[in-house]
Amino acid sequence: MKTNIRRVRGFALVLALFLIVSLGAIGAYLLSVSNVQVETGVMDEQGARAYQAARAGLDWGAYRLLRDGVCVPPTTITLQADLDGFYAEVTCTPYGPENEGSTSVSTHRIVSTGCNATPSCGGTDATYVERQLQLMLAR
């Protein structure tokens, strides 16, 4: 009977080590999945902020075109408040004039790129985000 007890003694140690290693591996996996989810949420928010930066640049370019009647030169706008750290690069390209019946119409294309890199959009960093919007206006 003593030989059977000696053989069984080592089984508990092997089982305990197996459980510790298995639980540690599962914990490490869950931690990495959790980190990826947090990073995805942060990048989603940054993408939304880049979109809003591009939208602000588009609105600014349209306002300047409609107010002054001419395209603005390529401009980089530094945004503030909730969009602090984001920039909008705005360009305007005139097309035309075209004749619509007896009326002459000038068309302008405004492109706004919102990003979180300076001095110009086009970063390569892992946290870089960019959104671009376009608008065609006829005057």
N, C-alpha and C. Protein backbone atom coordinates (compact mmCIF):
# COMPACT_ATOMS: atom_id res chain seq x y z
N MET A 1 0.80 -1.19 0.00
CA MET A 1 0.00 0.00 0.00
C MET A 1 0.85 1.27 0.00
N LYS A 2 2.01 1.19 0.64
CA LYS A 2 2.87 2.37 0.71
C LYS A 2 3.38 2.78 -0.67
N THR A 3 3.63 1.88 -1.54
CA THR A 3 4.13 2.23 -2.87
C THR A 3 3.08 2.98 -3.68
N ASN A 4 1.82 2.65 -3.50
CA ASN A 4 0.76 3.37 -4.23
C ASN A 4 0.63 4.81 -3.75
N ILE A 5 0.78 5.04 -2.45
CA ILE A 5 0.68 6.39 -1.90
C ILE A 5 1.85 7.25 -2.40
N ARG A 6 3.02 6.67 -2.50
CA ARG A 6 4.18 7.43 -2.98
C ARG A 6 3.99 7.84 -4.43
N ARG A 7 3.40 6.99 -5.22
CA ARG A 7 3.17 7.33 -6.63
C ARG A 7 2.15 8.45 -6.77
N VAL A 8 1.18 8.52 -5.92
CA VAL A 8 0.11 9.51 -6.01
C VAL A 8 0.57 10.87 -5.51
N ARG A 9 1.55 10.96 -4.65
CA ARG A 9 2.00 12.22 -4.06
C ARG A 9 2.41 13.23 -5.12
N GLY A 10 3.10 12.87 -6.14
CA GLY A 10 3.58 13.80 -7.16
C GLY A 10 2.49 14.30 -8.10
N PHE A 11 1.37 13.59 -8.14
CA PHE A 11 0.29 13.98 -9.05
C PHE A 11 -0.30 15.34 -8.68
N ALA A 12 -0.46 15.63 -7.41
CA ALA A 12 -1.02 16.92 -6.99
C ALA A 12 -0.12 18.08 -7.40
N LEU A 13 1.17 17.91 -7.33
CA LEU A 13 2.10 18.96 -7.72
C LEU A 13 2.02 19.23 -9.23
N VAL A 14 1.96 18.18 -10.02
CA VAL A 14 1.85 18.33 -11.48
C VAL A 14 0.53 19.01 -11.83
N LEU A 15 -0.55 18.62 -11.20
CA LEU A 15 -1.86 19.23 -11.45
C LEU A 15 -1.86 20.71 -11.06
N ALA A 16 -1.26 21.04 -9.93
CA ALA A 16 -1.20 22.44 -9.49
C ALA A 16 -0.38 23.28 -10.47
N LEU A 17 0.75 22.77 -10.93
CA LEU A 17 1.55 23.51 -11.91
C LEU A 17 0.80 23.70 -13.23
N PHE A 18 0.11 22.66 -13.67
CA PHE A 18 -0.68 22.77 -14.89
C PHE A 18 -1.76 23.84 -14.77
N LEU A 19 -2.46 23.87 -13.64
CA LEU A 19 -3.51 24.87 -13.43
C LEU A 19 -2.92 26.28 -13.37
N ILE A 20 -1.81 26.46 -12.70
CA ILE A 20 -1.19 27.78 -12.60
C ILE A 20 -0.76 28.28 -13.98
N VAL A 21 -0.11 27.43 -14.76
CA VAL A 21 0.33 27.82 -16.10
C VAL A 21 -0.87 28.11 -17.00
N SER A 22 -1.89 27.28 -16.95
CA SER A 22 -3.08 27.48 -17.78
C SER A 22 -3.80 28.77 -17.43
N LEU A 23 -4.01 29.02 -16.14
CA LEU A 23 -4.68 30.25 -15.72
C LEU A 23 -3.84 31.49 -16.07
N GLY A 24 -2.54 31.38 -15.96
CA GLY A 24 -1.67 32.50 -16.35
C GLY A 24 -1.76 32.80 -17.84
N ALA A 25 -1.79 31.76 -18.66
CA ALA A 25 -1.91 31.96 -20.11
C ALA A 25 -3.26 32.57 -20.47
N ILE A 26 -4.32 32.10 -19.84
CA ILE A 26 -5.65 32.67 -20.10
C ILE A 26 -5.69 34.13 -19.66
N GLY A 27 -5.12 34.43 -18.51
CA GLY A 27 -5.07 35.82 -18.03
C GLY A 27 -4.31 36.73 -18.97
N ALA A 28 -3.16 36.26 -19.49
CA ALA A 28 -2.38 37.07 -20.43
C ALA A 28 -3.15 37.29 -21.72
N TYR A 29 -3.86 36.28 -22.20
CA TYR A 29 -4.67 36.42 -23.41
C TYR A 29 -5.78 37.44 -23.20
N LEU A 30 -6.49 37.35 -22.08
CA LEU A 30 -7.58 38.30 -21.80
C LEU A 30 -7.06 39.72 -21.66
N LEU A 31 -5.89 39.88 -21.09
CA LEU A 31 -5.29 41.20 -20.95
C LEU A 31 -4.96 41.79 -22.32
N SER A 32 -4.41 40.99 -23.21
CA SER A 32 -4.07 41.50 -24.55
C SER A 32 -5.34 41.85 -25.33
N VAL A 33 -6.39 41.05 -25.21
CA VAL A 33 -7.66 41.37 -25.89
C VAL A 33 -8.24 42.66 -25.33
N SER A 34 -8.16 42.84 -24.05
CA SER A 34 -8.67 44.06 -23.42
C SER A 34 -7.90 45.29 -23.91
N ASN A 35 -6.57 45.17 -24.01
CA ASN A 35 -5.77 46.30 -24.50
C ASN A 35 -6.11 46.65 -25.94
N VAL A 36 -6.34 45.67 -26.77
CA VAL A 36 -6.71 45.92 -28.16
C VAL A 36 -8.05 46.64 -28.23
N GLN A 37 -8.99 46.25 -27.40
CA GLN A 37 -10.30 46.91 -27.40
C GLN A 37 -10.18 48.37 -26.96
N VAL A 38 -9.36 48.64 -25.97
CA VAL A 38 -9.16 50.02 -25.53
C VAL A 38 -8.51 50.85 -26.63
N GLU A 39 -7.48 50.30 -27.28
CA GLU A 39 -6.82 51.02 -28.37
C GLU A 39 -7.77 51.27 -29.54
N THR A 40 -8.63 50.31 -29.84
CA THR A 40 -9.60 50.47 -30.91
C THR A 40 -10.57 51.59 -30.58
N GLY A 41 -11.02 51.67 -29.36
CA GLY A 41 -11.92 52.74 -28.94
C GLY A 41 -11.26 54.11 -29.04
N VAL A 42 -10.00 54.19 -28.64
CA VAL A 42 -9.27 55.46 -28.72
C VAL A 42 -9.10 55.89 -30.18
N MET A 43 -8.73 54.95 -31.05
CA MET A 43 -8.55 55.29 -32.46
C MET A 43 -9.87 55.67 -33.12
N ASP A 44 -10.97 55.06 -32.70
CA ASP A 44 -12.28 55.43 -33.22
C ASP A 44 -12.61 56.86 -32.84
N GLU A 45 -12.34 57.23 -31.61
CA GLU A 45 -12.57 58.61 -31.16
C GLU A 45 -11.68 59.59 -31.93
N GLN A 46 -10.42 59.23 -32.13
CA GLN A 46 -9.51 60.09 -32.87
C GLN A 46 -9.97 60.26 -34.33
N GLY A 47 -10.51 59.19 -34.92
CA GLY A 47 -11.05 59.28 -36.27
C GLY A 47 -12.23 60.23 -36.35
N ALA A 48 -13.08 60.20 -35.35
CA ALA A 48 -14.22 61.11 -35.30
C ALA A 48 -13.75 62.56 -35.15
N ARG A 49 -12.72 62.77 -34.35
CA ARG A 49 -12.18 64.12 -34.19
C ARG A 49 -11.54 64.61 -35.49
N ALA A 50 -10.86 63.71 -36.22
CA ALA A 50 -10.26 64.08 -37.50
C ALA A 50 -11.36 64.45 -38.50
N TYR A 51 -12.47 63.72 -38.48
CA TYR A 51 -13.60 64.05 -39.35
C TYR A 51 -14.14 65.44 -39.02
N GLN A 52 -14.29 65.73 -37.74
CA GLN A 52 -14.80 67.05 -37.34
C GLN A 52 -13.81 68.15 -37.72
N ALA A 53 -12.51 67.87 -37.65
CA ALA A 53 -11.51 68.85 -38.07
C ALA A 53 -11.63 69.11 -39.57
N ALA A 54 -11.81 68.05 -40.36
CA ALA A 54 -11.99 68.22 -41.80
C ALA A 54 -13.27 68.99 -42.10
N ARG A 55 -14.31 68.71 -41.35
CA ARG A 55 -15.59 69.42 -41.53
C ARG A 55 -15.43 70.91 -41.21
N ALA A 56 -14.70 71.22 -40.15
CA ALA A 56 -14.46 72.62 -39.79
C ALA A 56 -13.68 73.33 -40.89
N GLY A 57 -12.66 72.67 -41.45
CA GLY A 57 -11.91 73.26 -42.55
C GLY A 57 -12.76 73.47 -43.79
N LEU A 58 -13.63 72.53 -44.08
CA LEU A 58 -14.54 72.65 -45.22
C LEU A 58 -15.49 73.82 -45.04
N ASP A 59 -16.06 73.96 -43.85
CA ASP A 59 -16.96 75.08 -43.57
C ASP A 59 -16.22 76.41 -43.67
N TRP A 60 -14.98 76.45 -43.17
CA TRP A 60 -14.20 77.68 -43.24
C TRP A 60 -13.91 78.05 -44.69
N GLY A 61 -13.49 77.06 -45.50
CA GLY A 61 -13.20 77.32 -46.91
C GLY A 61 -14.43 77.79 -47.68
N ALA A 62 -15.58 77.18 -47.42
CA ALA A 62 -16.83 77.59 -48.08
C ALA A 62 -17.22 79.00 -47.66
N TYR A 63 -17.07 79.30 -46.38
CA TYR A 63 -17.39 80.65 -45.89
C TYR A 63 -16.52 81.70 -46.57
N ARG A 64 -15.21 81.42 -46.63
CA ARG A 64 -14.31 82.39 -47.26
C ARG A 64 -14.62 82.55 -48.75
N LEU A 65 -14.94 81.46 -49.44
CA LEU A 65 -15.27 81.55 -50.86
C LEU A 65 -16.56 82.33 -51.07
N LEU A 66 -17.57 82.06 -50.30
CA LEU A 66 -18.84 82.76 -50.47
C LEU A 66 -18.75 84.21 -50.03
N ARG A 67 -17.95 84.51 -49.01
CA ARG A 67 -17.82 85.89 -48.54
C ARG A 67 -16.94 86.73 -49.46
N ASP A 68 -15.76 86.19 -49.85
CA ASP A 68 -14.80 86.97 -50.63
C ASP A 68 -14.96 86.78 -52.12
N GLY A 69 -15.57 85.67 -52.55
CA GLY A 69 -15.77 85.43 -53.97
C GLY A 69 -14.58 84.84 -54.69
N VAL A 70 -13.48 84.56 -53.97
CA VAL A 70 -12.30 83.96 -54.59
C VAL A 70 -11.82 82.80 -53.71
N CYS A 71 -11.11 81.89 -54.34
CA CYS A 71 -10.54 80.76 -53.60
C CYS A 71 -9.43 81.24 -52.66
N VAL A 72 -9.37 80.63 -51.50
CA VAL A 72 -8.28 80.92 -50.57
C VAL A 72 -7.07 80.11 -50.99
N PRO A 73 -5.88 80.60 -50.76
CA PRO A 73 -4.68 79.78 -51.04
C PRO A 73 -4.65 78.59 -50.08
N PRO A 74 -3.88 77.56 -50.38
CA PRO A 74 -3.79 76.42 -49.45
C PRO A 74 -3.42 76.90 -48.05
N THR A 75 -4.22 76.50 -47.08
CA THR A 75 -4.07 76.99 -45.72
C THR A 75 -4.17 75.84 -44.73
N THR A 76 -3.34 75.89 -43.68
CA THR A 76 -3.45 74.95 -42.58
C THR A 76 -4.02 75.69 -41.38
N ILE A 77 -5.11 75.16 -40.86
CA ILE A 77 -5.80 75.78 -39.73
C ILE A 77 -5.50 74.95 -38.48
N THR A 78 -5.03 75.61 -37.42
CA THR A 78 -4.82 74.96 -36.13
C THR A 78 -6.11 75.09 -35.34
N LEU A 79 -6.69 73.97 -34.97
CA LEU A 79 -7.97 73.98 -34.27
C LEU A 79 -7.76 73.98 -32.76
N GLN A 80 -8.77 74.46 -32.05
CA GLN A 80 -8.66 74.60 -30.60
C GLN A 80 -9.85 73.93 -29.92
N ALA A 81 -9.93 74.10 -28.63
CA ALA A 81 -11.00 73.57 -27.78
C ALA A 81 -11.03 72.04 -27.87
N ASP A 82 -12.17 71.46 -28.24
CA ASP A 82 -12.31 70.00 -28.28
C ASP A 82 -11.45 69.36 -29.36
N LEU A 83 -11.02 70.14 -30.35
CA LEU A 83 -10.20 69.61 -31.43
C LEU A 83 -8.74 70.03 -31.28
N ASP A 84 -8.33 70.32 -30.07
CA ASP A 84 -6.95 70.71 -29.82
C ASP A 84 -6.02 69.58 -30.23
N GLY A 85 -4.98 69.91 -30.97
CA GLY A 85 -4.06 68.90 -31.47
C GLY A 85 -4.40 68.42 -32.87
N PHE A 86 -5.49 68.93 -33.45
CA PHE A 86 -5.89 68.56 -34.80
C PHE A 86 -5.76 69.78 -35.71
N TYR A 87 -5.56 69.48 -36.99
CA TYR A 87 -5.33 70.51 -37.99
C TYR A 87 -6.21 70.23 -39.19
N ALA A 88 -6.52 71.29 -39.92
CA ALA A 88 -7.28 71.16 -41.17
C ALA A 88 -6.48 71.82 -42.27
N GLU A 89 -6.15 71.06 -43.30
CA GLU A 89 -5.50 71.61 -44.49
C GLU A 89 -6.59 71.84 -45.53
N VAL A 90 -6.73 73.09 -45.95
CA VAL A 90 -7.81 73.47 -46.87
C VAL A 90 -7.22 73.96 -48.18
N THR A 91 -7.71 73.41 -49.28
CA THR A 91 -7.34 73.89 -50.61
C THR A 91 -8.60 74.16 -51.41
N CYS A 92 -8.50 75.10 -52.32
CA CYS A 92 -9.62 75.48 -53.17
C CYS A 92 -9.13 75.55 -54.61
N THR A 93 -9.87 74.92 -55.51
CA THR A 93 -9.50 74.90 -56.92
C THR A 93 -10.67 75.44 -57.74
N PRO A 94 -10.46 76.52 -58.51
CA PRO A 94 -11.57 77.02 -59.35
C PRO A 94 -11.66 76.25 -60.66
N TYR A 95 -12.88 76.07 -61.13
CA TYR A 95 -13.15 75.47 -62.44
C TYR A 95 -14.10 76.41 -63.18
N GLY A 96 -13.93 76.51 -64.46
CA GLY A 96 -14.88 77.33 -65.23
C GLY A 96 -14.28 78.66 -65.57
N PRO A 97 -15.03 79.61 -65.95
CA PRO A 97 -16.49 79.63 -65.85
C PRO A 97 -17.15 78.80 -66.97
N GLU A 98 -18.32 78.30 -66.64
CA GLU A 98 -19.15 77.58 -67.59
C GLU A 98 -20.39 78.42 -67.87
N ASN A 99 -20.93 78.27 -69.05
CA ASN A 99 -22.15 79.00 -69.41
C ASN A 99 -23.36 78.10 -69.22
N GLU A 100 -24.27 78.54 -68.40
CA GLU A 100 -25.56 77.88 -68.19
C GLU A 100 -26.61 78.77 -68.83
N GLY A 101 -26.91 78.49 -70.08
CA GLY A 101 -27.82 79.38 -70.81
C GLY A 101 -27.12 80.70 -71.03
N SER A 102 -27.67 81.75 -70.48
CA SER A 102 -27.06 83.07 -70.60
C SER A 102 -26.28 83.47 -69.35
N THR A 103 -26.19 82.56 -68.38
CA THR A 103 -25.53 82.86 -67.11
C THR A 103 -24.18 82.17 -67.06
N SER A 104 -23.17 82.92 -66.63
CA SER A 104 -21.84 82.37 -66.43
C SER A 104 -21.72 81.86 -65.00
N VAL A 105 -21.31 80.60 -64.85
CA VAL A 105 -21.21 79.98 -63.53
C VAL A 105 -19.77 79.51 -63.30
N SER A 106 -19.21 79.91 -62.15
CA SER A 106 -17.89 79.43 -61.75
C SER A 106 -18.07 78.35 -60.69
N THR A 107 -17.37 77.24 -60.88
CA THR A 107 -17.44 76.14 -59.93
C THR A 107 -16.11 76.06 -59.19
N HIS A 108 -16.19 75.78 -57.90
CA HIS A 108 -15.00 75.68 -57.06
C HIS A 108 -15.05 74.36 -56.30
N ARG A 109 -13.90 73.74 -56.19
CA ARG A 109 -13.78 72.51 -55.42
C ARG A 109 -12.94 72.80 -54.18
N ILE A 110 -13.54 72.58 -53.02
CA ILE A 110 -12.84 72.79 -51.75
C ILE A 110 -12.54 71.41 -51.16
N VAL A 111 -11.29 71.19 -50.81
CA VAL A 111 -10.86 69.93 -50.20
C VAL A 111 -10.28 70.25 -48.83
N SER A 112 -10.77 69.56 -47.82
CA SER A 112 -10.27 69.76 -46.46
C SER A 112 -9.83 68.42 -45.89
N THR A 113 -8.61 68.40 -45.38
CA THR A 113 -8.06 67.20 -44.76
C THR A 113 -7.84 67.48 -43.28
N GLY A 114 -8.52 66.73 -42.43
CA GLY A 114 -8.35 66.86 -40.99
C GLY A 114 -7.41 65.77 -40.49
N CYS A 115 -6.43 66.16 -39.66
CA CYS A 115 -5.45 65.18 -39.18
C CYS A 115 -4.90 65.62 -37.84
N ASN A 116 -4.11 64.74 -37.24
CA ASN A 116 -3.48 65.06 -35.95
C ASN A 116 -1.96 65.11 -36.07
N ALA A 117 -1.47 65.56 -37.23
CA ALA A 117 -0.02 65.71 -37.45
C ALA A 117 0.27 67.13 -37.90
N THR A 118 1.39 67.63 -37.52
CA THR A 118 1.81 68.96 -37.95
C THR A 118 3.24 68.88 -38.42
N PRO A 119 3.72 69.67 -39.34
CA PRO A 119 3.10 70.83 -39.95
C PRO A 119 2.16 70.49 -41.11
N SER A 120 2.19 69.27 -41.59
CA SER A 120 1.26 68.94 -42.67
C SER A 120 0.75 67.52 -42.47
N CYS A 121 -0.42 67.27 -42.99
CA CYS A 121 -1.01 65.93 -42.88
C CYS A 121 -0.21 64.94 -43.72
N GLY A 122 -0.27 63.70 -43.33
CA GLY A 122 0.45 62.66 -44.03
C GLY A 122 1.42 61.94 -43.13
N GLY A 123 1.10 61.85 -41.86
CA GLY A 123 2.00 61.20 -40.91
C GLY A 123 2.07 59.70 -41.09
N THR A 124 3.07 59.11 -40.48
CA THR A 124 3.25 57.66 -40.54
C THR A 124 3.24 57.04 -39.16
N ASP A 125 3.00 57.83 -38.13
CA ASP A 125 2.98 57.33 -36.77
C ASP A 125 1.80 56.37 -36.58
N ALA A 126 1.90 55.46 -35.65
CA ALA A 126 0.84 54.49 -35.40
C ALA A 126 -0.42 55.15 -34.88
N THR A 127 -0.30 56.34 -34.28
CA THR A 127 -1.47 57.04 -33.76
C THR A 127 -2.01 58.09 -34.72
N TYR A 128 -1.47 58.14 -35.93
CA TYR A 128 -1.90 59.14 -36.91
C TYR A 128 -3.27 58.77 -37.48
N VAL A 129 -4.16 59.79 -37.53
CA VAL A 129 -5.47 59.62 -38.16
C VAL A 129 -5.70 60.79 -39.11
N GLU A 130 -6.47 60.51 -40.17
CA GLU A 130 -6.74 61.53 -41.18
C GLU A 130 -8.10 61.26 -41.80
N ARG A 131 -8.85 62.33 -42.07
CA ARG A 131 -10.11 62.24 -42.79
C ARG A 131 -10.12 63.37 -43.81
N GLN A 132 -10.67 63.10 -44.98
CA GLN A 132 -10.70 64.13 -46.03
C GLN A 132 -12.13 64.27 -46.55
N LEU A 133 -12.56 65.53 -46.70
CA LEU A 133 -13.87 65.85 -47.24
C LEU A 133 -13.71 66.80 -48.41
N GLN A 134 -14.66 66.73 -49.36
CA GLN A 134 -14.64 67.60 -50.53
C GLN A 134 -16.01 68.23 -50.71
N LEU A 135 -16.00 69.43 -51.29
CA LEU A 135 -17.24 70.16 -51.54
C LEU A 135 -17.12 70.88 -52.86
N MET A 136 -18.15 70.80 -53.69
CA MET A 136 -18.20 71.56 -54.94
C MET A 136 -19.22 72.68 -54.76
N LEU A 137 -18.80 73.90 -55.05
CA LEU A 137 -19.69 75.06 -54.96
C LEU A 137 -19.75 75.76 -56.30
N ALA A 138 -20.93 76.21 -56.68
CA ALA A 138 -21.10 76.98 -57.91
C ALA A 138 -21.54 78.38 -57.53
N ARG A 139 -20.94 79.35 -58.18
CA ARG A 139 -21.30 80.75 -57.93
C ARG A 139 -21.72 81.39 -59.22
